[in-house]
Amino acid sequence: MVATAPPAARPGFRIEKDPLGYLEVPDDAYYGVQVARAIHNFPISGMRPSPALVRAVVQVKKAAARANMVTGRLSTSIGNAIVAAADEILATGGPIHPGEVSPDVEDLEPGRPTDPMGRAFAAAAMAKGQELVANFRVDPFQAGAGTSHNMNANEVLANRAIEILHAQGVGSGRRGDYSVVSPNDQVNMAQSTNDVFPTSMRIATLDLIRELRPAMLELIEAFEAKAVEFDGIVKSGRTHMQDAVPIRLGQEFAAYAITLRRGLDRLLVASDSIREQNIGATAVGTGINAEPAYIGLVVRNLSEQTGHDLRTAEHLVQSTQSMRPMLEVSAALRGIAVDLVKISEDLRIMSSGPMTGFAEITLPAVQPGSSIMPGKVNPVMAECLSMVAFHVIGNDTAVAWAASAGQLELNVMMPVIAHDTLESLTILRNMCRAFAEFCVSGITANRERAEMLMERSSALATPLAPYLGYALAADISKQAVREDRTIREIVIERGIFTAEELDELLAPHELTEPGVAGGFRFTPRMPEGFEPPTGPVGAGG
């Protein structure tokens, strides 16, 4: 069979070939023919891959090249060129791991000697790295399993490695000359999309969990600080959106902090399962084309490079089939989102007003609230928090469906699982920081308003029930509501307790702690037709 001659390239393009034939690729592109096809085939969302996923797949390629050099399968010249290309991308940003130094460290230390030439080289390397990152072009909604994303990494690293080798006097230096460095045979050596993408997805998730944790702690600590500040403010509790017994505003805020801390703890527990990696599983989990020594080396390299405590999966076939670890993380994020919606709703209700609502607290005014109503200020940060949380909950639904849609040896829905989980982590991280800074830290309490509403609560009959019995306490509560009066006024009017006795029985702080108000120190003067519920305390009545 006679080979078909490649077509002539138009100006500004080069011709590359894959198993489907020839295709033009822009001359200045570091990606190659397979990514060019993916760009053409999947113009779905207009989005680029998550930066965390780009970093993670590059970490995998770097770890694999290092491992393949140790086993002797990959030449050190090509392997080192791949590693150098990977390092250029990894230097462009992302989490600072233990042992790394921020590229801006000199700017933070004015007295430190500077190296102008070194800084110039660093700036050039940073620019090159950013150019390489810009060549990760495949839409998150793409071919199943993430083959296009894997090939994006293979092609970018191969083409940059070709240039690096040329600078050392090896090869043509022309992008697309895969006789020098092959995307498949060398950058993808001992790998398959089916182990590269799951591993990349999990590492990216671990990276973003590491970033979410301090953001959540910032929010938790903001609530804890407000819990202390507001601990002396007693207000009406509410259940079913109706009056309930008193509670301290600080207790409510302390509960929010504990709820979020527990949500974070559950996320960290869930994250342990994604420390297990299937790299080395290759196509279906059997490890074909990957030496046993390579498998151990690549996981060790990834742990060293990322700062995560990673381990090889107990069963490579199982870890290639199942998306349960990602599902557990997504579910934990959904749980946090649900808690945040509840907290957001509470803050919006308590701050409603300013004249016709609860107005027990005031949220910081961060921007005007209406284009037609002058002076109106809305709880915009709480509203934004709810919208972010709704999106996270929706993402989890997509992750659940995608995790269930694997067939036989592979779940091909991994790209959407990765995209939605990483998006949830990203927006939660940013929202937690913004909500702590622009909302919670600036909340103020309206003590007089809260205490006035508490005093008017019909539920203040509840602490009197152990003395008066449920029936009489309910009768007093109904009269107070009917006549728009306070429980205190009705009790004094009926002569059941004196004002002085009620001052102790209804002491606000005491009503927010376990026990019976007044400790049964007072004897009610019961109206005709009512009997106290018990005899003297301690007499067995």
Protein backbone atom coordinates (compact mmCIF):
# COMPACT_ATOMS: atom_id res chain seq x y z
CA MET A 1 0.00 0.00 0.00
CA VAL A 2 1.39 3.38 -0.99
CA ALA A 3 1.53 5.93 1.84
CA THR A 4 -0.48 9.07 1.26
CA ALA A 5 1.68 12.17 0.98
CA PRO A 6 0.96 14.88 3.55
CA PRO A 7 -0.91 17.92 2.25
CA ALA A 8 0.88 21.25 2.05
CA ALA A 9 0.40 23.44 5.10
CA ARG A 10 -1.04 26.92 4.84
CA PRO A 11 1.10 29.80 6.10
CA GLY A 12 1.15 29.82 9.90
CA PHE A 13 0.37 26.11 10.18
CA ARG A 14 2.22 22.81 10.28
CA ILE A 15 0.93 19.38 9.28
CA GLU A 16 0.76 16.58 11.84
CA LYS A 17 -0.53 13.05 11.50
CA ASP A 18 -2.34 10.69 13.84
CA PRO A 19 -4.18 7.39 13.21
CA LEU A 20 -7.05 9.31 11.60
CA GLY A 21 -4.83 11.08 9.10
CA TYR A 22 -3.27 14.49 8.53
CA LEU A 23 -4.41 17.74 10.12
CA GLU A 24 -3.21 21.32 10.27
CA VAL A 25 -1.95 22.60 13.62
CA PRO A 26 -1.02 26.25 14.27
CA ASP A 27 2.75 26.72 13.97
CA ASP A 28 3.00 28.40 17.36
CA ALA A 29 0.95 25.76 19.19
CA TYR A 30 2.60 23.44 21.70
CA TYR A 31 -0.37 21.12 21.44
CA GLY A 32 -0.53 18.75 18.50
CA VAL A 33 -2.87 16.94 16.17
CA GLN A 34 -5.01 15.09 18.71
CA VAL A 35 -5.70 18.24 20.71
CA ALA A 36 -6.45 20.12 17.49
CA ARG A 37 -9.13 17.53 16.78
CA ALA A 38 -10.52 17.86 20.30
CA ILE A 39 -10.69 21.65 20.03
CA HIS A 40 -12.66 21.21 16.80
CA ASN A 41 -14.91 18.44 18.13
CA PHE A 42 -15.76 19.78 21.59
CA PRO A 43 -16.60 23.51 21.47
CA ILE A 44 -19.06 22.91 24.31
CA SER A 45 -18.63 25.25 27.27
CA GLY A 46 -15.92 27.66 26.17
CA MET A 47 -14.03 26.79 29.37
CA ARG A 48 -10.47 25.59 29.76
CA PRO A 49 -9.44 22.75 32.08
CA SER A 50 -9.09 23.53 35.77
CA PRO A 51 -5.59 24.87 36.54
CA ALA A 52 -5.42 22.29 39.34
CA LEU A 53 -6.05 19.48 36.84
CA VAL A 54 -3.39 20.86 34.48
CA ARG A 55 -0.84 20.93 37.30
CA ALA A 56 -1.82 17.47 38.43
CA VAL A 57 -1.49 15.80 35.02
CA VAL A 58 1.89 17.50 34.55
CA GLN A 59 2.95 16.15 37.96
CA VAL A 60 1.97 12.67 36.80
CA LYS A 61 3.98 13.03 33.57
CA LYS A 62 7.00 14.28 35.50
CA ALA A 63 6.78 11.43 38.02
CA ALA A 64 6.40 8.88 35.22
CA ALA A 65 9.40 10.22 33.31
CA ARG A 66 11.52 10.09 36.47
CA ALA A 67 10.39 6.51 37.14
CA ASN A 68 11.00 5.39 33.55
CA MET A 69 14.52 6.82 33.67
CA VAL A 70 15.26 4.82 36.82
CA THR A 71 13.99 1.58 35.27
CA GLY A 72 16.18 2.32 32.23
CA ARG A 73 13.30 2.29 29.79
CA LEU A 74 13.52 6.03 29.00
CA SER A 75 16.81 7.68 28.07
CA THR A 76 18.03 10.26 30.54
CA SER A 77 18.35 12.94 27.87
CA ILE A 78 14.72 12.66 26.78
CA GLY A 79 13.49 12.03 30.32
CA ASN A 80 15.28 15.07 31.69
CA ALA A 81 13.88 17.20 28.85
CA ILE A 82 10.34 16.05 29.72
CA VAL A 83 10.97 16.80 33.40
CA ALA A 84 12.34 20.25 32.54
CA ALA A 85 9.28 21.02 30.42
CA ALA A 86 7.03 19.87 33.26
CA ASP A 87 8.89 22.06 35.75
CA GLU A 88 8.32 25.12 33.58
CA ILE A 89 4.59 24.56 33.85
CA LEU A 90 4.67 23.76 37.56
CA ALA A 91 6.62 26.97 38.24
CA THR A 92 3.72 29.12 37.02
CA GLY A 93 1.78 28.94 40.26
CA GLY A 94 -0.43 26.79 42.41
CA PRO A 95 -0.08 25.60 45.98
CA ILE A 96 3.24 26.11 47.77
CA HIS A 97 4.22 22.77 49.24
CA PRO A 98 6.60 22.11 52.14
CA GLY A 99 10.15 22.87 51.06
CA GLU A 100 9.14 25.17 48.19
CA VAL A 101 9.86 28.88 48.17
CA SER A 102 7.40 31.37 46.80
CA PRO A 103 8.66 33.07 43.61
CA ASP A 104 7.86 36.42 45.29
CA VAL A 105 10.00 35.78 48.36
CA GLU A 106 12.57 38.44 47.40
CA ASP A 107 9.86 41.05 47.14
CA LEU A 108 8.85 40.26 50.71
CA GLU A 109 12.39 40.63 52.05
CA PRO A 110 13.70 44.09 51.04
CA GLY A 111 17.09 43.56 52.65
CA ARG A 112 17.81 40.35 50.82
CA PRO A 113 20.49 40.58 48.08
CA THR A 114 19.03 40.33 44.60
CA ASP A 115 20.36 38.70 41.42
CA PRO A 116 19.11 40.75 38.44
CA MET A 117 20.27 38.19 35.90
CA GLY A 118 18.72 35.36 37.89
CA ARG A 119 15.45 37.24 38.14
CA ALA A 120 15.47 37.87 34.41
CA PHE A 121 15.93 34.16 33.72
CA ALA A 122 13.16 33.37 36.22
CA ALA A 123 10.83 35.85 34.52
CA ALA A 124 11.55 34.30 31.13
CA ALA A 125 10.93 30.82 32.53
CA MET A 126 7.67 32.00 34.08
CA ALA A 127 6.54 33.47 30.75
CA LYS A 128 7.36 30.22 28.97
CA GLY A 129 5.48 28.24 31.59
CA GLN A 130 2.43 30.45 31.21
CA GLU A 131 2.60 29.99 27.45
CA LEU A 132 2.63 26.23 27.94
CA VAL A 133 -0.33 26.38 30.33
CA ALA A 134 -2.26 28.40 27.73
CA ASN A 135 -1.86 25.43 25.37
CA PHE A 136 -4.08 23.24 27.54
CA ARG A 137 -7.13 23.88 25.44
CA VAL A 138 -9.48 20.92 25.72
CA ASP A 139 -12.98 21.75 26.96
CA PRO A 140 -13.92 20.00 30.25
CA PHE A 141 -16.83 18.42 28.35
CA GLN A 142 -14.86 16.18 26.03
CA ALA A 143 -14.24 12.61 24.95
CA GLY A 144 -14.90 9.95 27.58
CA ALA A 145 -12.25 9.04 30.15
CA GLY A 146 -10.17 12.18 29.51
CA THR A 147 -8.11 10.88 26.59
CA SER A 148 -7.95 14.34 25.05
CA HIS A 149 -6.75 15.91 28.31
CA ASN A 150 -4.06 13.24 28.64
CA MET A 151 -2.93 13.79 25.06
CA ASN A 152 -2.92 17.54 25.67
CA ALA A 153 -0.28 16.98 28.33
CA ASN A 154 1.61 14.48 26.17
CA GLU A 155 1.77 16.81 23.17
CA VAL A 156 2.63 20.00 25.06
CA LEU A 157 5.43 18.32 27.00
CA ALA A 158 6.77 16.53 23.93
CA ASN A 159 6.92 19.71 21.86
CA ARG A 160 8.58 21.69 24.63
CA ALA A 161 11.03 18.84 25.26
CA ILE A 162 11.91 18.92 21.55
CA GLU A 163 12.94 22.59 21.95
CA ILE A 164 14.87 21.91 25.15
CA LEU A 165 16.85 19.12 23.47
CA HIS A 166 17.57 21.35 20.46
CA ALA A 167 19.10 23.93 22.80
CA GLN A 168 21.43 21.13 23.87
CA GLY A 169 22.34 20.35 20.26
CA VAL A 170 19.95 17.42 19.80
CA GLY A 171 17.22 17.18 17.16
CA SER A 172 15.53 19.68 14.88
CA GLY A 173 13.84 21.80 17.53
CA ARG A 174 10.69 21.89 15.37
CA ARG A 175 7.36 21.48 17.13
CA GLY A 176 5.62 18.43 15.73
CA ASP A 177 8.88 16.56 15.01
CA TYR A 178 7.95 13.55 17.11
CA SER A 179 10.92 11.59 15.88
CA VAL A 180 12.81 13.52 18.59
CA VAL A 181 10.30 13.11 21.43
CA SER A 182 7.07 11.18 20.96
CA PRO A 183 3.92 12.15 22.89
CA ASN A 184 2.78 8.52 23.01
CA ASP A 185 5.95 6.46 23.12
CA GLN A 186 7.94 8.58 25.55
CA VAL A 187 5.85 11.15 27.42
CA ASN A 188 3.07 8.56 27.83
CA MET A 189 5.47 5.65 28.42
CA ALA A 190 4.03 2.90 30.69
CA GLN A 191 0.79 4.89 30.95
CA SER A 192 -2.78 4.95 29.74
CA THR A 193 -5.37 7.67 29.97
CA ASN A 194 -7.18 5.19 32.20
CA ASP A 195 -4.60 5.50 34.95
CA VAL A 196 -3.24 8.98 34.19
CA PHE A 197 -6.58 10.76 34.34
CA PRO A 198 -7.88 9.13 37.55
CA THR A 199 -4.56 9.84 39.26
CA SER A 200 -4.49 13.43 38.01
CA MET A 201 -8.08 13.95 39.11
CA ARG A 202 -7.37 12.71 42.61
CA ILE A 203 -4.17 14.70 43.03
CA ALA A 204 -5.91 17.87 41.81
CA THR A 205 -8.70 17.19 44.29
CA LEU A 206 -6.21 16.74 47.13
CA ASP A 207 -4.51 19.99 46.11
CA LEU A 208 -7.76 21.93 46.26
CA ILE A 209 -8.84 20.31 49.53
CA ARG A 210 -5.54 21.53 50.92
CA GLU A 211 -6.51 25.03 49.79
CA LEU A 212 -10.12 24.78 50.99
CA ARG A 213 -9.12 23.77 54.51
CA PRO A 214 -7.56 27.12 55.57
CA ALA A 215 -10.40 29.01 53.88
CA MET A 216 -12.97 27.05 55.86
CA LEU A 217 -10.97 27.49 59.05
CA GLU A 218 -10.99 31.23 58.44
CA LEU A 219 -14.78 31.16 58.26
CA ILE A 220 -15.08 28.86 61.27
CA GLU A 221 -12.85 31.12 63.35
CA ALA A 222 -14.90 34.16 62.30
CA PHE A 223 -18.04 32.47 63.63
CA GLU A 224 -16.22 31.44 66.81
CA ALA A 225 -15.12 35.04 67.42
CA LYS A 226 -18.69 36.25 66.99
CA ALA A 227 -19.92 33.50 69.31
CA VAL A 228 -17.75 34.95 72.08
CA GLU A 229 -18.70 38.54 71.24
CA PHE A 230 -22.44 37.77 71.23
CA ASP A 231 -22.55 35.35 74.17
CA GLY A 232 -24.24 37.86 76.49
CA ILE A 233 -27.08 38.66 74.09
CA VAL A 234 -30.27 36.72 74.83
CA LYS A 235 -32.94 36.56 72.14
CA SER A 236 -36.02 34.59 71.28
CA GLY A 237 -35.42 31.18 69.85
CA ARG A 238 -37.66 30.06 67.02
CA THR A 239 -38.85 26.68 65.81
CA HIS A 240 -41.23 26.18 62.88
CA MET A 241 -40.65 29.92 62.36
CA GLN A 242 -42.71 30.53 65.52
CA ASP A 243 -41.71 31.78 68.98
CA ALA A 244 -39.60 29.36 71.02
CA VAL A 245 -37.72 29.54 74.31
CA PRO A 246 -34.80 31.98 74.68
CA ILE A 247 -31.35 31.31 73.30
CA ARG A 248 -28.15 33.31 73.31
CA LEU A 249 -27.06 34.77 70.01
CA GLY A 250 -23.56 33.51 70.81
CA GLN A 251 -24.91 29.96 71.10
CA GLU A 252 -26.31 30.18 67.58
CA PHE A 253 -23.00 31.40 66.17
CA ALA A 254 -21.05 28.76 68.12
CA ALA A 255 -23.33 26.12 66.60
CA TYR A 256 -22.54 27.40 63.11
CA ALA A 257 -18.82 27.09 63.80
CA ILE A 258 -19.15 23.54 65.12
CA THR A 259 -21.32 22.50 62.20
CA LEU A 260 -18.76 23.76 59.68
CA ARG A 261 -15.84 22.25 61.59
CA ARG A 262 -17.55 18.87 61.53
CA GLY A 263 -18.23 19.26 57.82
CA LEU A 264 -14.55 19.95 57.24
CA ASP A 265 -13.60 16.93 59.34
CA ARG A 266 -15.86 14.71 57.23
CA LEU A 267 -14.27 16.07 54.06
CA LEU A 268 -10.80 15.29 55.37
CA VAL A 269 -11.89 11.75 56.24
CA ALA A 270 -13.33 11.33 52.73
CA SER A 271 -10.11 12.66 51.22
CA ASP A 272 -8.13 9.75 52.60
CA SER A 273 -9.69 7.43 50.02
CA ILE A 274 -8.38 9.52 47.12
CA ARG A 275 -4.82 9.16 48.38
CA GLU A 276 -5.02 5.69 46.83
CA GLN A 277 -3.81 5.90 43.23
CA ASN A 278 -4.31 3.61 40.25
CA ILE A 279 -1.26 4.85 38.31
CA GLY A 280 0.38 1.73 36.86
CA ALA A 281 -3.00 0.13 36.19
CA THR A 282 -2.71 1.24 32.54
CA ALA A 283 -5.69 0.30 30.35
CA VAL A 284 -7.96 -1.97 32.40
CA GLY A 285 -6.19 -2.28 35.73
CA THR A 286 -3.96 -5.24 34.88
CA GLY A 287 -0.83 -3.09 34.54
CA ILE A 288 0.02 -4.24 31.03
CA ASN A 289 3.12 -2.39 29.66
CA ALA A 290 4.04 -1.05 33.12
CA GLU A 291 6.86 -2.76 35.06
CA PRO A 292 6.20 -3.47 38.75
CA ALA A 293 9.23 -1.37 39.70
CA TYR A 294 7.83 1.55 37.75
CA ILE A 295 4.53 1.42 39.63
CA GLY A 296 6.19 1.79 43.02
CA LEU A 297 8.54 4.49 41.78
CA VAL A 298 5.88 6.66 40.17
CA VAL A 299 3.73 6.74 43.31
CA ARG A 300 6.76 7.54 45.45
CA ASN A 301 7.72 10.34 43.04
CA LEU A 302 4.20 11.78 43.12
CA SER A 303 4.18 11.81 46.91
CA GLU A 304 7.50 13.65 46.92
CA GLN A 305 6.46 16.14 44.23
CA THR A 306 3.01 16.99 45.58
CA GLY A 307 3.50 16.75 49.34
CA HIS A 308 0.58 14.30 49.58
CA ASP A 309 0.89 10.93 51.32
CA LEU A 310 -0.10 8.76 48.36
CA ARG A 311 -0.26 4.99 48.06
CA THR A 312 -0.78 2.44 45.30
CA ALA A 313 -4.31 1.09 45.16
CA GLU A 314 -4.99 -2.17 46.97
CA HIS A 315 -6.51 -3.58 43.76
CA LEU A 316 -5.73 -1.79 40.50
CA VAL A 317 -8.68 -3.21 38.60
CA GLN A 318 -11.09 -2.07 41.32
CA SER A 319 -9.61 1.40 41.54
CA THR A 320 -9.80 1.78 37.75
CA GLN A 321 -13.47 0.76 37.67
CA SER A 322 -14.81 2.60 40.71
CA MET A 323 -15.30 6.31 41.19
CA ARG A 324 -16.45 5.84 44.81
CA PRO A 325 -13.55 7.86 46.30
CA MET A 326 -14.43 10.93 44.21
CA LEU A 327 -18.10 10.41 45.02
CA GLU A 328 -17.29 10.44 48.75
CA VAL A 329 -15.45 13.74 48.42
CA SER A 330 -18.24 15.28 46.37
CA ALA A 331 -20.81 14.08 48.90
CA ALA A 332 -18.80 15.66 51.72
CA LEU A 333 -18.75 18.93 49.77
CA ARG A 334 -22.50 18.65 49.29
CA GLY A 335 -22.87 18.27 53.06
CA ILE A 336 -20.85 21.43 53.66
CA ALA A 337 -22.93 23.25 51.04
CA VAL A 338 -26.19 22.18 52.68
CA ASP A 339 -24.93 23.47 56.04
CA LEU A 340 -23.88 26.76 54.45
CA VAL A 341 -27.33 27.26 52.93
CA LYS A 342 -28.91 26.77 56.35
CA ILE A 343 -26.51 29.28 57.90
CA SER A 344 -27.12 31.75 55.07
CA GLU A 345 -30.88 31.47 55.52
CA ASP A 346 -30.55 32.07 59.27
CA LEU A 347 -28.44 35.17 58.83
CA ARG A 348 -30.79 36.60 56.22
CA ILE A 349 -33.80 36.05 58.50
CA MET A 350 -32.12 37.46 61.62
CA SER A 351 -30.96 40.52 59.68
CA SER A 352 -34.25 41.10 57.89
CA GLY A 353 -35.54 44.63 58.10
CA PRO A 354 -34.25 47.10 58.91
CA MET A 355 -37.64 48.38 60.09
CA THR A 356 -40.16 45.62 59.42
CA GLY A 357 -38.18 42.41 59.96
CA PHE A 358 -36.36 40.66 62.80
CA ALA A 359 -33.40 43.08 62.71
CA GLU A 360 -31.64 41.19 65.53
CA ILE A 361 -28.33 41.48 63.70
CA THR A 362 -26.95 43.79 61.03
CA LEU A 363 -24.87 42.43 58.16
CA PRO A 364 -22.14 44.65 56.69
CA ALA A 365 -23.32 46.87 53.86
CA VAL A 366 -21.01 46.04 50.97
CA GLN A 367 -22.95 47.47 48.02
CA PRO A 368 -26.25 49.19 47.16
CA GLY A 369 -29.18 46.82 46.94
CA SER A 370 -31.63 48.38 44.55
CA SER A 371 -31.68 50.34 41.32
CA ILE A 372 -35.07 51.86 42.18
CA MET A 373 -35.40 51.93 46.01
CA PRO A 374 -32.99 54.53 47.37
CA GLY A 375 -30.97 53.54 50.39
CA LYS A 376 -31.87 49.85 50.22
CA VAL A 377 -29.09 47.48 51.28
CA ASN A 378 -29.43 43.73 50.71
CA PRO A 379 -27.70 40.74 52.34
CA VAL A 380 -25.70 40.15 49.15
CA MET A 381 -22.91 38.05 50.64
CA ALA A 382 -25.40 35.64 52.18
CA GLU A 383 -27.29 35.51 48.89
CA CYS A 384 -24.08 34.75 47.02
CA LEU A 385 -23.22 32.06 49.56
CA SER A 386 -26.51 30.30 48.93
CA MET A 387 -26.04 30.43 45.16
CA VAL A 388 -22.56 28.92 45.45
CA ALA A 389 -23.89 26.20 47.72
CA PHE A 390 -26.77 25.40 45.33
CA HIS A 391 -24.21 24.99 42.55
CA VAL A 392 -22.12 22.63 44.66
CA ILE A 393 -25.21 20.55 45.42
CA GLY A 394 -26.00 20.42 41.70
CA ASN A 395 -22.44 19.41 40.90
CA ASP A 396 -22.72 16.55 43.38
CA THR A 397 -25.83 15.30 41.60
CA ALA A 398 -23.89 15.24 38.33
CA VAL A 399 -20.96 13.47 40.02
CA ALA A 400 -23.30 10.83 41.44
CA TRP A 401 -24.87 10.10 38.06
CA ALA A 402 -21.46 10.06 36.37
CA ALA A 403 -19.98 7.76 39.01
CA SER A 404 -22.83 5.32 38.42
CA ALA A 405 -22.36 5.34 34.65
CA GLY A 406 -19.16 3.31 34.34
CA GLN A 407 -19.30 0.17 32.27
CA LEU A 408 -17.19 -2.90 32.96
CA GLU A 409 -13.50 -1.98 33.34
CA LEU A 410 -13.71 1.81 33.08
CA ASN A 411 -15.81 4.81 34.00
CA VAL A 412 -15.66 7.06 30.95
CA MET A 413 -17.45 9.93 32.72
CA MET A 414 -14.32 10.98 34.61
CA PRO A 415 -13.95 14.37 32.87
CA VAL A 416 -17.25 15.66 34.26
CA ILE A 417 -16.53 14.10 37.67
CA ALA A 418 -13.22 15.94 37.75
CA HIS A 419 -14.63 19.22 36.45
CA ASP A 420 -17.57 19.37 38.83
CA THR A 421 -15.63 18.29 41.92
CA LEU A 422 -12.78 20.72 41.25
CA GLU A 423 -15.24 23.52 40.49
CA SER A 424 -17.04 22.85 43.78
CA LEU A 425 -13.77 22.97 45.71
CA THR A 426 -12.72 26.17 43.96
CA ILE A 427 -15.92 28.13 44.49
CA LEU A 428 -16.30 26.93 48.08
CA ARG A 429 -12.73 27.99 48.84
CA ASN A 430 -13.28 31.45 47.39
CA MET A 431 -16.73 31.84 48.94
CA CYS A 432 -15.60 30.84 52.44
CA ARG A 433 -12.85 33.45 52.38
CA ALA A 434 -15.14 36.16 51.00
CA PHE A 435 -17.94 35.37 53.42
CA ALA A 436 -15.60 35.42 56.42
CA GLU A 437 -14.02 38.72 55.39
CA PHE A 438 -16.94 40.65 53.91
CA CYS A 439 -19.79 39.35 56.05
CA VAL A 440 -19.25 37.39 59.25
CA SER A 441 -16.37 39.43 60.65
CA GLY A 442 -18.45 42.59 60.32
CA ILE A 443 -21.77 41.37 61.76
CA THR A 444 -23.10 43.48 64.64
CA ALA A 445 -25.84 42.57 67.11
CA ASN A 446 -28.83 44.76 67.90
CA ARG A 447 -29.09 43.93 71.61
CA GLU A 448 -32.11 46.07 72.46
CA ARG A 449 -34.11 44.75 69.54
CA ALA A 450 -33.26 41.11 70.38
CA GLU A 451 -34.16 41.54 74.06
CA MET A 452 -37.42 43.32 73.24
CA LEU A 453 -38.52 40.50 70.93
CA MET A 454 -37.56 37.93 73.54
CA GLU A 455 -39.61 39.69 76.21
CA ARG A 456 -42.64 39.61 73.89
CA SER A 457 -42.22 35.93 73.00
CA SER A 458 -45.22 33.76 73.81
CA ALA A 459 -42.80 30.92 74.52
CA LEU A 460 -41.76 32.57 77.81
CA ALA A 461 -44.59 30.56 79.33
CA THR A 462 -42.40 27.46 78.90
CA PRO A 463 -40.09 28.04 81.93
CA LEU A 464 -43.21 28.51 84.07
CA ALA A 465 -44.72 25.15 83.05
CA PRO A 466 -42.85 23.10 85.72
CA TYR A 467 -44.52 25.34 88.34
CA LEU A 468 -47.94 25.88 86.78
CA GLY A 469 -48.47 22.82 84.61
CA TYR A 470 -48.84 22.70 80.85
CA ALA A 471 -52.53 23.66 80.77
CA LEU A 472 -52.22 26.88 82.78
CA ALA A 473 -48.99 27.89 81.01
CA ALA A 474 -50.72 27.36 77.64
CA ASP A 475 -53.72 29.42 78.79
CA ILE A 476 -51.39 32.29 79.76
CA SER A 477 -49.54 32.07 76.43
CA LYS A 478 -52.78 32.16 74.44
CA GLN A 479 -54.01 35.19 76.41
CA ALA A 480 -50.73 37.01 75.78
CA VAL A 481 -51.01 36.45 72.04
CA ARG A 482 -54.69 37.30 71.94
CA GLU A 483 -54.24 40.55 73.84
CA ASP A 484 -50.82 41.45 72.42
CA ARG A 485 -49.28 41.55 75.88
CA THR A 486 -46.26 39.91 77.48
CA ILE A 487 -46.24 36.72 79.54
CA ARG A 488 -44.84 38.74 82.42
CA GLU A 489 -47.79 41.13 82.38
CA ILE A 490 -50.37 38.32 82.39
CA VAL A 491 -48.71 36.37 85.22
CA ILE A 492 -48.43 39.47 87.42
CA GLU A 493 -52.01 40.47 86.64
CA ARG A 494 -53.29 37.02 87.66
CA GLY A 495 -51.25 37.22 90.88
CA ILE A 496 -49.44 33.93 90.23
CA PHE A 497 -45.94 35.36 90.85
CA THR A 498 -44.75 38.77 91.91
CA ALA A 499 -42.61 40.95 89.65
CA GLU A 500 -39.62 40.23 91.87
CA GLU A 501 -40.18 36.47 91.62
CA LEU A 502 -40.49 36.71 87.86
CA ASP A 503 -37.23 38.64 87.65
CA GLU A 504 -35.53 35.51 88.99
CA LEU A 505 -37.70 32.95 87.24
CA LEU A 506 -37.25 34.64 83.87
CA ALA A 507 -33.61 35.67 84.33
CA PRO A 508 -32.47 35.67 80.68
CA HIS A 509 -29.14 33.84 80.96
CA GLU A 510 -30.60 31.14 83.19
CA LEU A 511 -33.22 30.40 80.56
CA THR A 512 -30.50 29.44 78.08
CA GLU A 513 -28.86 26.76 80.23
CA PRO A 514 -30.03 23.29 81.37
CA GLY A 515 -32.27 23.19 84.44
CA VAL A 516 -35.56 24.47 85.80
CA ALA A 517 -35.79 28.23 86.08
CA GLY A 518 -35.60 29.33 89.70
CA GLY A 519 -34.71 25.81 90.85
CA PHE A 520 -38.23 25.30 92.32
CA ARG A 521 -37.51 27.98 94.94
CA PHE A 522 -40.86 29.68 94.36
CA THR A 523 -44.43 28.61 95.04
CA PRO A 524 -47.06 29.81 92.59
CA ARG A 525 -50.42 31.14 93.71
CA MET A 526 -52.56 28.95 91.51
CA PRO A 527 -55.82 30.30 90.05
CA GLU A 528 -59.02 28.48 90.87
CA GLY A 529 -59.44 25.34 88.82
CA PHE A 530 -55.72 24.68 88.31
CA GLU A 531 -53.37 22.48 90.33
CA PRO A 532 -49.54 22.53 90.27
CA PRO A 533 -48.10 19.58 88.31
CA THR A 534 -46.07 18.15 91.25
CA GLY A 535 -45.87 18.27 95.01
CA PRO A 536 -42.89 19.76 96.84
CA VAL A 537 -39.65 18.87 95.07
CA GLY A 538 -37.92 16.00 96.81
CA ALA A 539 -41.10 14.82 98.54
CA GLY A 540 -41.94 12.29 95.88
CA GLY A 541 -45.01 14.24 94.76
